[in-house]
Amino acid sequence: MEETREKIDAWRGRGHVRLTSHDDIEVYFEITAWRTPDGALHFEGRIQSDTATMSAIGQARGPISLTMSDGTSIDVLASERGVGQNWVDIRVPVSVPSIVPAAWPITIVRSK
């Protein structure tokens, strides 16, 4: 049986990632919020920039800080990405409720 999910919100725009404590790099981001039939929320998307930056982000261990265009800062986890790509897939842990409007009825499901 195939699970369906509902797109409930999306954010996109210019932002900054921080790979070191003094290194803000401009990126383009897209993040989509999905709700599964059981009410769980999942956040996924991608960020884009030059290939050297994307290679560094794709090899990062642990979360990286993304500051969205409205000033909201969230931690994202990047997929591993090979050399030569100008984008990387990201996942936002649901432990970051700062982008979740209070009006959404949610169930927090931790990644395994």
PDB file of N, CA and C in Angstrom:
ATOM      1  N   MET A   1       0.836  -1.186   0.000  1.00  0.00           N
ATOM      2  CA  MET A   1       0.000   0.000   0.000  1.00  0.00           C
ATOM      3  C   MET A   1       0.877   1.245   0.000  1.00  0.00           C
ATOM      4  N   GLU A   2       0.646   2.134  -0.930  1.00  0.00           N
ATOM      5  CA  GLU A   2       1.449   3.330  -1.064  1.00  0.00           C
ATOM      6  C   GLU A   2       0.962   4.412  -0.109  1.00  0.00           C
ATOM      7  N   GLU A   3       1.907   5.019   0.618  1.00  0.00           N
ATOM      8  CA  GLU A   3       1.571   6.080   1.558  1.00  0.00           C
ATOM      9  C   GLU A   3       1.447   7.399   0.797  1.00  0.00           C
ATOM     10  N   THR A   4       0.385   8.121   1.053  1.00  0.00           N
ATOM     11  CA  THR A   4       0.232   9.432   0.446  1.00  0.00           C
ATOM     12  C   THR A   4       0.616  10.481   1.465  1.00  0.00           C
ATOM     13  N   ARG A   5       1.052  11.605   0.984  1.00  0.00           N
ATOM     14  CA  ARG A   5       1.371  12.707   1.872  1.00  0.00           C
ATOM     15  C   ARG A   5       0.859  13.986   1.256  1.00  0.00           C
ATOM     16  N   GLU A   6       0.595  14.940   2.091  1.00  0.00           N
ATOM     17  CA  GLU A   6       0.005  16.208   1.670  1.00  0.00           C
ATOM     18  C   GLU A   6       1.033  17.323   1.831  1.00  0.00           C
ATOM     19  N   LYS A   7       1.221  18.093   0.778  1.00  0.00           N
ATOM     20  CA  LYS A   7       2.101  19.255   0.860  1.00  0.00           C
ATOM     21  C   LYS A   7       1.342  20.335   1.616  1.00  0.00           C
ATOM     22  N   ILE A   8       1.941  20.831   2.702  1.00  0.00           N
ATOM     23  CA  ILE A   8       1.216  21.816   3.502  1.00  0.00           C
ATOM     24  C   ILE A   8       1.853  23.197   3.501  1.00  0.00           C
ATOM     25  N   ASP A   9       3.117  23.306   3.126  1.00  0.00           N
ATOM     26  CA  ASP A   9       3.746  24.617   3.053  1.00  0.00           C
ATOM     27  C   ASP A   9       5.070  24.488   2.313  1.00  0.00           C
ATOM     28  N   ALA A  10       5.597  25.605   1.870  1.00  0.00           N
ATOM     29  CA  ALA A  10       6.902  25.612   1.197  1.00  0.00           C
ATOM     30  C   ALA A  10       7.559  26.959   1.418  1.00  0.00           C
ATOM     31  N   TRP A  11       8.881  26.924   1.511  1.00  0.00           N
ATOM     32  CA  TRP A  11       9.667  28.134   1.647  1.00  0.00           C
ATOM     33  C   TRP A  11      10.767  28.084   0.603  1.00  0.00           C
ATOM     34  N   ARG A  12      11.048  29.222  -0.013  1.00  0.00           N
ATOM     35  CA  ARG A  12      12.148  29.300  -0.976  1.00  0.00           C
ATOM     36  C   ARG A  12      12.666  30.725  -1.002  1.00  0.00           C
ATOM     37  N   GLY A  13      13.922  30.845  -1.358  1.00  0.00           N
ATOM     38  CA  GLY A  13      14.520  32.171  -1.441  1.00  0.00           C
ATOM     39  C   GLY A  13      16.017  32.121  -1.250  1.00  0.00           C
ATOM     40  N   ARG A  14      16.587  33.282  -1.081  1.00  0.00           N
ATOM     41  CA  ARG A  14      18.026  33.399  -0.822  1.00  0.00           C
ATOM     42  C   ARG A  14      18.257  33.349   0.682  1.00  0.00           C
ATOM     43  N   GLY A  15      19.322  32.702   1.050  1.00  0.00           N
ATOM     44  CA  GLY A  15      19.689  32.604   2.454  1.00  0.00           C
ATOM     45  C   GLY A  15      21.187  32.428   2.576  1.00  0.00           C
ATOM     46  N   HIS A  16      21.615  32.047   3.760  1.00  0.00           N
ATOM     47  CA  HIS A  16      23.038  31.835   4.025  1.00  0.00           C
ATOM     48  C   HIS A  16      23.232  30.555   4.811  1.00  0.00           C
ATOM     49  N   VAL A  17      24.301  29.841   4.506  1.00  0.00           N
ATOM     50  CA  VAL A  17      24.706  28.701   5.313  1.00  0.00           C
ATOM     51  C   VAL A  17      25.990  29.066   6.039  1.00  0.00           C
ATOM     52  N   ARG A  18      26.165  28.461   7.190  1.00  0.00           N
ATOM     53  CA  ARG A  18      27.368  28.695   7.982  1.00  0.00           C
ATOM     54  C   ARG A  18      28.078  27.369   8.165  1.00  0.00           C
ATOM     55  N   LEU A  19      29.238  27.250   7.510  1.00  0.00           N
ATOM     56  CA  LEU A  19      30.029  26.027   7.623  1.00  0.00           C
ATOM     57  C   LEU A  19      31.052  26.129   8.752  1.00  0.00           C
ATOM     58  N   THR A  20      31.501  27.350   9.036  1.00  0.00           N
ATOM     59  CA  THR A  20      32.387  27.601  10.171  1.00  0.00           C
ATOM     60  C   THR A  20      31.841  28.807  10.919  1.00  0.00           C
ATOM     61  N   SER A  21      32.393  29.093  12.055  1.00  0.00           N
ATOM     62  CA  SER A  21      31.861  30.171  12.895  1.00  0.00           C
ATOM     63  C   SER A  21      31.974  31.558  12.263  1.00  0.00           C
ATOM     64  N   HIS A  22      32.781  31.721  11.242  1.00  0.00           N
ATOM     65  CA  HIS A  22      32.946  33.035  10.613  1.00  0.00           C
ATOM     66  C   HIS A  22      32.843  32.959   9.089  1.00  0.00           C
ATOM     67  N   ASP A  23      31.986  32.078   8.591  1.00  0.00           N
ATOM     68  CA  ASP A  23      31.930  31.822   7.155  1.00  0.00           C
ATOM     69  C   ASP A  23      30.480  31.691   6.680  1.00  0.00           C
ATOM     70  N   ASP A  24      29.821  32.817   6.369  1.00  0.00           N
ATOM     71  CA  ASP A  24      28.459  32.799   5.827  1.00  0.00           C
ATOM     72  C   ASP A  24      28.529  32.782   4.301  1.00  0.00           C
ATOM     73  N   ILE A  25      27.848  31.816   3.684  1.00  0.00           N
ATOM     74  CA  ILE A  25      27.875  31.659   2.232  1.00  0.00           C
ATOM     75  C   ILE A  25      26.450  31.771   1.713  1.00  0.00           C
ATOM     76  N   GLU A  26      26.242  32.611   0.701  1.00  0.00           N
ATOM     77  CA  GLU A  26      24.906  32.790   0.140  1.00  0.00           C
ATOM     78  C   GLU A  26      24.503  31.563  -0.667  1.00  0.00           C
ATOM     79  N   VAL A  27      23.239  31.138  -0.470  1.00  0.00           N
ATOM     80  CA  VAL A  27      22.686  29.992  -1.185  1.00  0.00           C
ATOM     81  C   VAL A  27      21.248  30.308  -1.568  1.00  0.00           C
ATOM     82  N   TYR A  28      20.716  29.521  -2.489  1.00  0.00           N
ATOM     83  CA  TYR A  28      19.286  29.514  -2.788  1.00  0.00           C
ATOM     84  C   TYR A  28      18.731  28.265  -2.124  1.00  0.00           C
ATOM     85  N   PHE A  29      17.580  28.377  -1.450  1.00  0.00           N
ATOM     86  CA  PHE A  29      17.020  27.215  -0.767  1.00  0.00           C
ATOM     87  C   PHE A  29      15.567  26.998  -1.157  1.00  0.00           C
ATOM     88  N   GLU A  30      15.143  25.765  -1.079  1.00  0.00           N
ATOM     89  CA  GLU A  30      13.737  25.360  -1.219  1.00  0.00           C
ATOM     90  C   GLU A  30      13.487  24.302  -0.160  1.00  0.00           C
ATOM     91  N   ILE A  31      12.455  24.503   0.664  1.00  0.00           N
ATOM     92  CA  ILE A  31      12.079  23.534   1.684  1.00  0.00           C
ATOM     93  C   ILE A  31      10.573  23.328   1.591  1.00  0.00           C
ATOM     94  N   THR A  32      10.153  22.081   1.572  1.00  0.00           N
ATOM     95  CA  THR A  32       8.728  21.749   1.523  1.00  0.00           C
ATOM     96  C   THR A  32       8.359  20.985   2.786  1.00  0.00           C
ATOM     97  N   ALA A  33       7.206  21.333   3.352  1.00  0.00           N
ATOM     98  CA  ALA A  33       6.672  20.614   4.509  1.00  0.00           C
ATOM     99  C   ALA A  33       5.592  19.666   4.025  1.00  0.00           C
ATOM    100  N   TRP A  34       5.680  18.415   4.449  1.00  0.00           N
ATOM    101  CA  TRP A  34       4.722  17.378   4.062  1.00  0.00           C
ATOM    102  C   TRP A  34       4.084  16.799   5.315  1.00  0.00           C
ATOM    103  N   ARG A  35       2.804  16.471   5.241  1.00  0.00           N
ATOM    104  CA  ARG A  35       2.121  15.777   6.332  1.00  0.00           C
ATOM    105  C   ARG A  35       1.680  14.414   5.834  1.00  0.00           C
ATOM    106  N   THR A  36       2.003  13.375   6.603  1.00  0.00           N
ATOM    107  CA  THR A  36       1.589  12.017   6.259  1.00  0.00           C
ATOM    108  C   THR A  36       0.187  11.778   6.820  1.00  0.00           C
ATOM    109  N   PRO A  37      -0.480  10.721   6.361  1.00  0.00           N
ATOM    110  CA  PRO A  37      -1.841  10.449   6.844  1.00  0.00           C
ATOM    111  C   PRO A  37      -1.953  10.322   8.365  1.00  0.00           C
ATOM    112  N   ASP A  38      -0.865   9.906   9.033  1.00  0.00           N
ATOM    113  CA  ASP A  38      -0.917   9.792  10.491  1.00  0.00           C
ATOM    114  C   ASP A  38      -0.632  11.115  11.201  1.00  0.00           C
ATOM    115  N   GLY A  39      -0.450  12.199  10.433  1.00  0.00           N
ATOM    116  CA  GLY A  39      -0.252  13.530  11.010  1.00  0.00           C
ATOM    117  C   GLY A  39       1.195  13.941  11.220  1.00  0.00           C
ATOM    118  N   ALA A  40       2.146  13.075  10.901  1.00  0.00           N
ATOM    119  CA  ALA A  40       3.556  13.404  11.081  1.00  0.00           C
ATOM    120  C   ALA A  40       4.008  14.409  10.031  1.00  0.00           C
ATOM    121  N   LEU A  41       4.900  15.313  10.426  1.00  0.00           N
ATOM    122  CA  LEU A  41       5.465  16.296   9.498  1.00  0.00           C
ATOM    123  C   LEU A  41       6.867  15.888   9.081  1.00  0.00           C
ATOM    124  N   HIS A  42       7.178  16.131   7.816  1.00  0.00           N
ATOM    125  CA  HIS A  42       8.508  15.893   7.264  1.00  0.00           C
ATOM    126  C   HIS A  42       8.892  17.123   6.453  1.00  0.00           C
ATOM    127  N   PHE A  43      10.137  17.572   6.607  1.00  0.00           N
ATOM    128  CA  PHE A  43      10.641  18.743   5.896  1.00  0.00           C
ATOM    129  C   PHE A  43      11.822  18.314   5.050  1.00  0.00           C
ATOM    130  N   GLU A  44      11.767  18.610   3.749  1.00  0.00           N
ATOM    131  CA  GLU A  44      12.865  18.251   2.862  1.00  0.00           C
ATOM    132  C   GLU A  44      12.962  19.283   1.753  1.00  0.00           C
ATOM    133  N   GLY A  45      14.111  19.311   1.111  1.00  0.00           N
ATOM    134  CA  GLY A  45      14.300  20.274   0.032  1.00  0.00           C
ATOM    135  C   GLY A  45      15.699  20.197  -0.527  1.00  0.00           C
ATOM    136  N   ARG A  46      16.189  21.367  -0.953  1.00  0.00           N
ATOM    137  CA  ARG A  46      17.540  21.428  -1.510  1.00  0.00           C
ATOM    138  C   ARG A  46      18.072  22.836  -1.361  1.00  0.00           C
ATOM    139  N   ILE A  47      19.385  22.918  -1.379  1.00  0.00           N
ATOM    140  CA  ILE A  47      20.054  24.205  -1.439  1.00  0.00           C
ATOM    141  C   ILE A  47      20.994  24.189  -2.626  1.00  0.00           C
ATOM    142  N   GLN A  48      21.200  25.381  -3.199  1.00  0.00           N
ATOM    143  CA  GLN A  48      22.056  25.513  -4.382  1.00  0.00           C
ATOM    144  C   GLN A  48      23.038  26.651  -4.181  1.00  0.00           C
ATOM    145  N   SER A  49      24.235  26.461  -4.710  1.00  0.00           N
ATOM    146  CA  SER A  49      25.276  27.486  -4.724  1.00  0.00           C
ATOM    147  C   SER A  49      26.357  27.003  -5.682  1.00  0.00           C
ATOM    148  N   ASP A  50      27.553  27.544  -5.558  1.00  0.00           N
ATOM    149  CA  ASP A  50      28.633  27.087  -6.439  1.00  0.00           C
ATOM    150  C   ASP A  50      29.046  25.662  -6.070  1.00  0.00           C
ATOM    151  N   THR A  51      29.701  24.991  -6.994  1.00  0.00           N
ATOM    152  CA  THR A  51      30.020  23.569  -6.807  1.00  0.00           C
ATOM    153  C   THR A  51      30.975  23.327  -5.638  1.00  0.00           C
ATOM    154  N   ALA A  52      31.919  24.223  -5.386  1.00  0.00           N
ATOM    155  CA  ALA A  52      32.849  24.033  -4.264  1.00  0.00           C
ATOM    156  C   ALA A  52      32.097  24.078  -2.934  1.00  0.00           C
ATOM    157  N   THR A  53      31.167  25.017  -2.801  1.00  0.00           N
ATOM    158  CA  THR A  53      30.364  25.118  -1.586  1.00  0.00           C
ATOM    159  C   THR A  53      29.487  23.895  -1.410  1.00  0.00           C
ATOM    160  N   MET A  54      28.861  23.453  -2.499  1.00  0.00           N
ATOM    161  CA  MET A  54      27.983  22.287  -2.404  1.00  0.00           C
ATOM    162  C   MET A  54      28.760  21.020  -2.065  1.00  0.00           C
ATOM    163  N   SER A  55      29.963  20.902  -2.557  1.00  0.00           N
ATOM    164  CA  SER A  55      30.800  19.758  -2.229  1.00  0.00           C
ATOM    165  C   SER A  55      31.124  19.765  -0.731  1.00  0.00           C
ATOM    166  N   ALA A  56      31.473  20.939  -0.200  1.00  0.00           N
ATOM    167  CA  ALA A  56      31.776  21.053   1.233  1.00  0.00           C
ATOM    168  C   ALA A  56      30.544  20.749   2.077  1.00  0.00           C
ATOM    169  N   ILE A  57      29.386  21.252   1.661  1.00  0.00           N
ATOM    170  CA  ILE A  57      28.152  20.995   2.403  1.00  0.00           C
ATOM    171  C   ILE A  57      27.789  19.518   2.336  1.00  0.00           C
ATOM    172  N   GLY A  58      27.919  18.920   1.171  1.00  0.00           N
ATOM    173  CA  GLY A  58      27.596  17.507   1.009  1.00  0.00           C
ATOM    174  C   GLY A  58      28.473  16.585   1.822  1.00  0.00           C
ATOM    175  N   GLN A  59      29.668  17.039   2.171  1.00  0.00           N
ATOM    176  CA  GLN A  59      30.585  16.233   2.965  1.00  0.00           C
ATOM    177  C   GLN A  59      30.534  16.572   4.455  1.00  0.00           C
ATOM    178  N   ALA A  60      29.718  17.550   4.814  1.00  0.00           N
ATOM    179  CA  ALA A  60      29.604  17.962   6.215  1.00  0.00           C
ATOM    180  C   ALA A  60      29.055  16.815   7.055  1.00  0.00           C
ATOM    181  N   ARG A  61      29.583  16.668   8.232  1.00  0.00           N
ATOM    182  CA  ARG A  61      29.092  15.671   9.178  1.00  0.00           C
ATOM    183  C   ARG A  61      28.232  16.403  10.200  1.00  0.00           C
ATOM    184  N   GLY A  62      26.991  16.006  10.299  1.00  0.00           N
ATOM    185  CA  GLY A  62      26.096  16.663  11.245  1.00  0.00           C
ATOM    186  C   GLY A  62      25.389  17.842  10.617  1.00  0.00           C
ATOM    187  N   PRO A  63      24.592  18.546  11.416  1.00  0.00           N
ATOM    188  CA  PRO A  63      23.782  19.640  10.881  1.00  0.00           C
ATOM    189  C   PRO A  63      24.606  20.869  10.516  1.00  0.00           C
ATOM    190  N   ILE A  64      24.097  21.614   9.539  1.00  0.00           N
ATOM    191  CA  ILE A  64      24.664  22.915   9.194  1.00  0.00           C
ATOM    192  C   ILE A  64      23.576  23.961   9.394  1.00  0.00           C
ATOM    193  N   SER A  65      23.979  25.172   9.680  1.00  0.00           N
ATOM    194  CA  SER A  65      23.037  26.251   9.950  1.00  0.00           C
ATOM    195  C   SER A  65      22.629  26.937   8.645  1.00  0.00           C
ATOM    196  N   LEU A  66      21.314  27.025   8.412  1.00  0.00           N
ATOM    197  CA  LEU A  66      20.762  27.746   7.266  1.00  0.00           C
ATOM    198  C   LEU A  66      19.953  28.907   7.805  1.00  0.00           C
ATOM    199  N   THR A  67      20.304  30.124   7.384  1.00  0.00           N
ATOM    200  CA  THR A  67      19.505  31.295   7.721  1.00  0.00           C
ATOM    201  C   THR A  67      18.663  31.619   6.507  1.00  0.00           C
ATOM    202  N   MET A  68      17.338  31.513   6.678  1.00  0.00           N
ATOM    203  CA  MET A  68      16.405  31.751   5.575  1.00  0.00           C
ATOM    204  C   MET A  68      16.270  33.248   5.340  1.00  0.00           C
ATOM    205  N   SER A  69      15.658  33.621   4.210  1.00  0.00           N
ATOM    206  CA  SER A  69      15.561  35.021   3.816  1.00  0.00           C
ATOM    207  C   SER A  69      14.799  35.886   4.811  1.00  0.00           C
ATOM    208  N   ASP A  70      13.923  35.271   5.631  1.00  0.00           N
ATOM    209  CA  ASP A  70      13.193  36.054   6.635  1.00  0.00           C
ATOM    210  C   ASP A  70      13.953  36.173   7.946  1.00  0.00           C
ATOM    211  N   GLY A  71      15.185  35.623   7.988  1.00  0.00           N
ATOM    212  CA  GLY A  71      16.009  35.705   9.178  1.00  0.00           C
ATOM    213  C   GLY A  71      15.915  34.495  10.091  1.00  0.00           C
ATOM    214  N   THR A  72      15.003  33.573   9.817  1.00  0.00           N
ATOM    215  CA  THR A  72      14.873  32.358  10.618  1.00  0.00           C
ATOM    216  C   THR A  72      16.075  31.455  10.382  1.00  0.00           C
ATOM    217  N   SER A  73      16.709  31.018  11.455  1.00  0.00           N
ATOM    218  CA  SER A  73      17.847  30.102  11.355  1.00  0.00           C
ATOM    219  C   SER A  73      17.407  28.707  11.777  1.00  0.00           C
ATOM    220  N   ILE A  74      17.752  27.740  10.956  1.00  0.00           N
ATOM    221  CA  ILE A  74      17.428  26.346  11.256  1.00  0.00           C
ATOM    222  C   ILE A  74      18.637  25.480  10.932  1.00  0.00           C
ATOM    223  N   ASP A  75      18.687  24.328  11.566  1.00  0.00           N
ATOM    224  CA  ASP A  75      19.722  23.351  11.235  1.00  0.00           C
ATOM    225  C   ASP A  75      19.163  22.410  10.186  1.00  0.00           C
ATOM    226  N   VAL A  76      19.970  22.095   9.188  1.00  0.00           N
ATOM    227  CA  VAL A  76      19.575  21.155   8.140  1.00  0.00           C
ATOM    228  C   VAL A  76      20.643  20.075   8.029  1.00  0.00           C
ATOM    229  N   LEU A  77      20.210  18.906   7.586  1.00  0.00           N
ATOM    230  CA  LEU A  77      21.131  17.810   7.318  1.00  0.00           C
ATOM    231  C   LEU A  77      21.213  17.636   5.817  1.00  0.00           C
ATOM    232  N   ALA A  78      22.426  17.625   5.295  1.00  0.00           N
ATOM    233  CA  ALA A  78      22.629  17.527   3.851  1.00  0.00           C
ATOM    234  C   ALA A  78      22.969  16.100   3.459  1.00  0.00           C
ATOM    235  N   SER A  79      22.506  15.723   2.264  1.00  0.00           N
ATOM    236  CA  SER A  79      22.891  14.425   1.720  1.00  0.00           C
ATOM    237  C   SER A  79      24.316  14.526   1.202  1.00  0.00           C
ATOM    238  N   GLU A  80      24.973  13.399   1.111  1.00  0.00           N
ATOM    239  CA  GLU A  80      26.313  13.397   0.548  1.00  0.00           C
ATOM    240  C   GLU A  80      26.206  13.671  -0.949  1.00  0.00           C
ATOM    241  N   ARG A  81      27.031  14.538  -1.465  1.00  0.00           N
ATOM    242  CA  ARG A  81      26.937  14.933  -2.865  1.00  0.00           C
ATOM    243  C   ARG A  81      28.326  14.858  -3.471  1.00  0.00           C
ATOM    244  N   GLY A  82      28.417  14.353  -4.653  1.00  0.00           N
ATOM    245  CA  GLY A  82      29.699  14.226  -5.328  1.00  0.00           C
ATOM    246  C   GLY A  82      30.205  15.552  -5.879  1.00  0.00           C
ATOM    247  N   VAL A  83      31.441  15.542  -6.289  1.00  0.00           N
ATOM    248  CA  VAL A  83      32.072  16.724  -6.878  1.00  0.00           C
ATOM    249  C   VAL A  83      31.348  17.103  -8.165  1.00  0.00           C
ATOM    250  N   GLY A  84      31.198  18.407  -8.424  1.00  0.00           N
ATOM    251  CA  GLY A  84      30.624  18.872  -9.675  1.00  0.00           C
ATOM    252  C   GLY A  84      29.151  19.218  -9.630  1.00  0.00           C
ATOM    253  N   GLN A  85      28.484  18.997  -8.513  1.00  0.00           N
ATOM    254  CA  GLN A  85      27.062  19.328  -8.396  1.00  0.00           C
ATOM    255  C   GLN A  85      26.913  20.720  -7.773  1.00  0.00           C
ATOM    256  N   ASN A  86      25.934  21.503  -8.261  1.00  0.00           N
ATOM    257  CA  ASN A  86      25.712  22.825  -7.677  1.00  0.00           C
ATOM    258  C   ASN A  86      24.499  22.834  -6.745  1.00  0.00           C
ATOM    259  N   TRP A  87      24.072  21.668  -6.303  1.00  0.00           N
ATOM    260  CA  TRP A  87      22.947  21.557  -5.374  1.00  0.00           C
ATOM    261  C   TRP A  87      23.166  20.358  -4.461  1.00  0.00           C
ATOM    262  N   VAL A  88      22.444  20.364  -3.353  1.00  0.00           N
ATOM    263  CA  VAL A  88      22.487  19.241  -2.419  1.00  0.00           C
ATOM    264  C   VAL A  88      21.095  19.108  -1.791  1.00  0.00           C
ATOM    265  N   ASP A  89      20.627  17.869  -1.652  1.00  0.00           N
ATOM    266  CA  ASP A  89      19.351  17.621  -0.978  1.00  0.00           C
ATOM    267  C   ASP A  89      19.528  17.839   0.513  1.00  0.00           C
ATOM    268  N   ILE A  90      18.484  18.386   1.150  1.00  0.00           N
ATOM    269  CA  ILE A  90      18.537  18.608   2.590  1.00  0.00           C
ATOM    270  C   ILE A  90      17.292  18.033   3.248  1.00  0.00           C
ATOM    271  N   ARG A  91      17.427  17.775   4.529  1.00  0.00           N
ATOM    272  CA  ARG A  91      16.332  17.335   5.379  1.00  0.00           C
ATOM    273  C   ARG A  91      16.390  18.193   6.629  1.00  0.00           C
ATOM    274  N   VAL A  92      15.228  18.628   7.084  1.00  0.00           N
ATOM    275  CA  VAL A  92      15.158  19.435   8.292  1.00  0.00           C
ATOM    276  C   VAL A  92      14.625  18.548   9.411  1.00  0.00           C
ATOM    277  N   PRO A  93      15.421  18.330  10.464  1.00  0.00           N
ATOM    278  CA  PRO A  93      14.907  17.532  11.577  1.00  0.00           C
ATOM    279  C   PRO A  93      13.672  18.212  12.173  1.00  0.00           C
ATOM    280  N   VAL A  94      12.668  17.439  12.532  1.00  0.00           N
ATOM    281  CA  VAL A  94      11.449  18.040  13.077  1.00  0.00           C
ATOM    282  C   VAL A  94      11.650  18.592  14.476  1.00  0.00           C
ATOM    283  N   SER A  95      12.839  18.461  15.009  1.00  0.00           N
ATOM    284  CA  SER A  95      13.134  19.069  16.294  1.00  0.00           C
ATOM    285  C   SER A  95      13.343  20.574  16.155  1.00  0.00           C
ATOM    286  N   VAL A  96      13.081  21.121  14.969  1.00  0.00           N
ATOM    287  CA  VAL A  96      13.239  22.544  14.701  1.00  0.00           C
ATOM    288  C   VAL A  96      11.859  23.163  14.480  1.00  0.00           C
ATOM    289  N   PRO A  97      11.086  23.367  15.543  1.00  0.00           N
ATOM    290  CA  PRO A  97       9.714  23.853  15.363  1.00  0.00           C
ATOM    291  C   PRO A  97       9.608  25.331  15.027  1.00  0.00           C
ATOM    292  N   SER A  98      10.716  26.049  14.903  1.00  0.00           N
ATOM    293  CA  SER A  98      10.643  27.489  14.656  1.00  0.00           C
ATOM    294  C   SER A  98      10.005  27.834  13.313  1.00  0.00           C
ATOM    295  N   ILE A  99       9.954  26.897  12.367  1.00  0.00           N
ATOM    296  CA  ILE A  99       9.315  27.194  11.084  1.00  0.00           C
ATOM    297  C   ILE A  99       7.925  26.595  10.993  1.00  0.00           C
ATOM    298  N   VAL A 100       7.460  25.961  12.078  1.00  0.00           N
ATOM    299  CA  VAL A 100       6.155  25.299  12.075  1.00  0.00           C
ATOM    300  C   VAL A 100       5.120  26.221  12.700  1.00  0.00           C
ATOM    301  N   PRO A 101       4.178  26.737  11.916  1.00  0.00           N
ATOM    302  CA  PRO A 101       3.133  27.571  12.506  1.00  0.00           C
ATOM    303  C   PRO A 101       2.347  26.814  13.565  1.00  0.00           C
ATOM    304  N   ALA A 102       2.006  27.499  14.650  1.00  0.00           N
ATOM    305  CA  ALA A 102       1.321  26.866  15.774  1.00  0.00           C
ATOM    306  C   ALA A 102      -0.043  26.309  15.385  1.00  0.00           C
ATOM    307  N   ALA A 103      -0.636  26.804  14.315  1.00  0.00           N
ATOM    308  CA  ALA A 103      -1.975  26.364  13.912  1.00  0.00           C
ATOM    309  C   ALA A 103      -1.988  24.972  13.306  1.00  0.00           C
ATOM    310  N   TRP A 104      -0.820  24.452  12.894  1.00  0.00           N
ATOM    311  CA  TRP A 104      -0.805  23.118  12.297  1.00  0.00           C
ATOM    312  C   TRP A 104      -0.940  22.073  13.396  1.00  0.00           C
ATOM    313  N   PRO A 105      -1.930  21.189  13.298  1.00  0.00           N
ATOM    314  CA  PRO A 105      -1.946  20.063  14.241  1.00  0.00           C
ATOM    315  C   PRO A 105      -0.865  19.079  13.812  1.00  0.00           C
ATOM    316  N   ILE A 106       0.094  18.820  14.689  1.00  0.00           N
ATOM    317  CA  ILE A 106       1.234  17.995  14.278  1.00  0.00           C
ATOM    318  C   ILE A 106       1.478  16.834  15.218  1.00  0.00           C
ATOM    319  N   THR A 107       2.127  15.839  14.717  1.00  0.00           N
ATOM    320  CA  THR A 107       2.675  14.745  15.484  1.00  0.00           C
ATOM    321  C   THR A 107       4.163  14.702  15.158  1.00  0.00           C
ATOM    322  N   ILE A 108       4.999  14.811  16.161  1.00  0.00           N
ATOM    323  CA  ILE A 108       6.437  14.782  15.927  1.00  0.00           C
ATOM    324  C   ILE A 108       6.883  13.327  15.816  1.00  0.00           C
ATOM    325  N   VAL A 109       7.536  12.982  14.725  1.00  0.00           N
ATOM    326  CA  VAL A 109       8.069  11.646  14.515  1.00  0.00           C
ATOM    327  C   VAL A 109       9.569  11.788  14.321  1.00  0.00           C
ATOM    328  N   ARG A 110      10.318  11.213  15.225  1.00  0.00           N
ATOM    329  CA  ARG A 110      11.778  11.292  15.148  1.00  0.00           C
ATOM    330  C   ARG A 110      12.298  10.331  14.084  1.00  0.00           C
ATOM    331  N   SER A 111      13.319  10.753  13.364  1.00  0.00           N
ATOM    332  CA  SER A 111      13.963   9.883  12.379  1.00  0.00           C
ATOM    333  C   SER A 111      14.637   8.737  13.091  1.00  0.00           C
ATOM    334  N   LYS A 112      14.661   7.585  12.443  1.00  0.00           N
ATOM    335  CA  LYS A 112      15.296   6.405  13.054  1.00  0.00           C
ATOM    336  C   LYS A 112      16.718   6.301  12.652  1.00  0.00           C
TER     337      LYS A 112
END
